[in-house]
Protein backbone atom coordinates (compact mmCIF):
# COMPACT_ATOMS: atom_id res chain seq x y z
CA MET A 1 0.00 0.00 0.00
CA LYS A 2 1.32 3.47 -0.89
CA THR A 3 1.91 5.91 1.95
CA CYS A 4 1.14 9.62 2.23
CA LEU A 5 2.30 12.07 4.88
CA ILE A 6 -0.21 14.90 5.24
CA VAL A 7 1.43 18.04 6.60
CA ASP A 8 -0.87 20.87 7.62
CA ASP A 9 -1.33 22.93 10.77
CA SER A 10 -5.11 22.49 10.50
CA SER A 11 -6.31 19.27 12.10
CA ILE A 12 -9.51 19.52 10.04
CA VAL A 13 -7.58 19.61 6.76
CA ARG A 14 -5.40 16.69 7.90
CA ARG A 15 -8.43 14.60 8.86
CA LEU A 16 -10.29 15.38 5.63
CA ALA A 17 -7.25 14.62 3.46
CA SER A 18 -6.59 11.39 5.38
CA LYS A 19 -10.18 10.25 4.93
CA LEU A 20 -10.19 11.01 1.20
CA LEU A 21 -6.79 9.43 0.58
CA GLU A 22 -7.59 6.31 2.61
CA GLU A 23 -10.72 5.88 0.46
CA ILE A 24 -8.53 5.76 -2.66
CA GLY A 25 -6.07 3.29 -1.16
CA PHE A 26 -3.37 5.22 0.73
CA GLU A 27 -2.04 4.60 4.20
CA CYS A 28 -1.82 8.05 5.79
CA ALA A 29 0.21 9.67 8.54
CA GLU A 30 -0.06 13.26 9.70
CA ALA A 31 2.21 16.08 10.88
CA GLU A 32 1.17 19.55 11.99
CA ASN A 33 4.26 21.42 10.80
CA GLY A 34 7.32 21.06 8.61
CA GLN A 35 9.69 20.11 11.42
CA LEU A 36 7.46 17.25 12.56
CA ALA A 37 7.20 16.14 8.93
CA LEU A 38 11.00 16.00 8.62
CA ASP A 39 11.19 14.05 11.89
CA ALA A 40 8.64 11.55 10.54
CA CYS A 41 10.55 11.21 7.24
CA LYS A 42 13.74 10.34 9.13
CA ILE A 43 11.89 7.35 10.56
CA LYS A 44 10.00 6.30 7.41
CA MET A 45 9.97 8.07 4.05
CA PRO A 46 6.45 8.16 2.56
CA ASP A 47 5.74 7.69 -1.13
CA VAL A 48 4.05 11.08 -1.35
CA MET A 49 3.61 14.16 0.81
CA LEU A 50 0.66 16.55 0.77
CA LEU A 51 2.33 19.70 2.09
CA ASP A 52 0.79 22.96 3.29
CA TRP A 53 2.62 26.26 2.71
CA ASN A 54 1.88 28.36 5.82
CA MET A 55 2.58 26.60 9.10
CA PRO A 56 4.19 27.52 12.40
CA VAL A 57 7.64 26.20 13.37
CA MET A 58 8.65 25.41 9.76
CA ASN A 59 6.75 26.35 6.62
CA GLY A 60 6.22 24.10 3.63
CA ILE A 61 8.89 25.64 1.39
CA ASP A 62 11.61 25.23 4.02
CA CYS A 63 10.42 21.71 4.81
CA MET A 64 10.49 20.72 1.15
CA LYS A 65 13.97 22.16 0.57
CA SER A 66 15.31 20.27 3.61
CA LEU A 67 13.53 17.06 2.65
CA ARG A 68 15.02 17.10 -0.85
CA GLU A 69 18.49 16.91 0.78
CA PHE A 70 17.64 13.73 2.75
CA PRO A 71 18.81 10.38 1.39
CA GLY A 72 15.87 9.33 -0.77
CA GLY A 73 14.30 12.77 -0.42
CA GLU A 74 14.63 13.44 -4.12
CA ASP A 75 12.34 10.46 -4.83
CA ILE A 76 9.34 11.43 -2.71
CA LYS A 77 6.50 13.05 -4.64
CA ILE A 78 5.50 16.36 -3.05
CA ILE A 79 2.13 17.92 -3.75
CA PHE A 80 1.98 21.42 -2.37
CA CYS A 81 -1.41 22.34 -0.95
CA SER A 82 -2.26 25.95 -0.19
CA THR A 83 -4.77 28.76 -0.37
CA HIS A 84 -2.21 30.74 -2.40
CA SER A 85 -3.55 31.00 -5.92
CA GLU A 86 -1.24 33.57 -7.50
CA MET A 87 0.84 32.19 -10.37
CA GLY A 88 4.05 33.59 -8.81
CA GLN A 89 3.53 31.60 -5.62
CA ILE A 90 2.61 28.43 -7.50
CA GLN A 91 5.75 28.85 -9.61
CA GLU A 92 7.83 29.41 -6.47
CA ALA A 93 6.61 26.13 -4.99
CA LEU A 94 7.29 24.22 -8.20
CA GLU A 95 10.76 25.76 -8.60
CA ALA A 96 11.56 24.92 -4.97
CA GLY A 97 10.92 21.23 -5.66
CA ALA A 98 7.18 20.52 -5.59
CA ASP A 99 5.94 17.97 -8.11
CA GLU A 100 2.42 19.41 -8.26
CA TYR A 101 0.21 22.04 -6.64
CA ILE A 102 -3.34 21.88 -5.24
CA MET A 103 -5.35 24.85 -4.05
CA LYS A 104 -7.60 24.58 -1.01
CA PRO A 105 -10.35 23.61 -0.78
CA PHE A 106 -9.92 20.30 -2.57
CA ASP A 107 -12.01 17.18 -3.01
CA ARG A 108 -11.44 13.49 -3.79
CA ASP A 109 -11.46 14.05 -7.56
CA ILE A 110 -8.81 16.78 -7.37
CA LEU A 111 -6.62 14.59 -5.15
CA LYS A 112 -6.99 11.60 -7.48
CA THR A 113 -6.12 13.71 -10.52
CA LYS A 114 -3.03 15.25 -8.95
CA PHE A 115 -1.83 11.95 -7.48
CA ARG A 116 -2.19 10.35 -10.92
CA GLN A 117 -0.28 13.21 -12.51
CA VAL A 118 2.71 12.61 -10.23
CA GLY A 119 2.54 8.85 -10.78
CA VAL A 120 1.56 7.56 -7.35
CA LEU A 121 -1.95 6.43 -8.23
């Protein structure tokens, strides 16, 4: 079973994403900020990460840049997930190492499409 680490400071977003992703066949884990996500990845690298931009402790961009330097970190698929909808911010996330970008709010169909596009579904 493929694994997904859902990283968001909102427990509601984490629970919703977990529910939707479990319904399409993923085993999910959660982290409420970028530092906790990095700590989790040191223990077990997921197949894909759904990563929020704005979080306390460590934001998504800094988390992603650090993760890409981990052994195996270049292989994980990272789908950035944010309320930011400006092209400049989307481009920044993609240039920093994201494989794809989802804007909140999202639904099961959007998740399935993006996860297919990055090759994990």
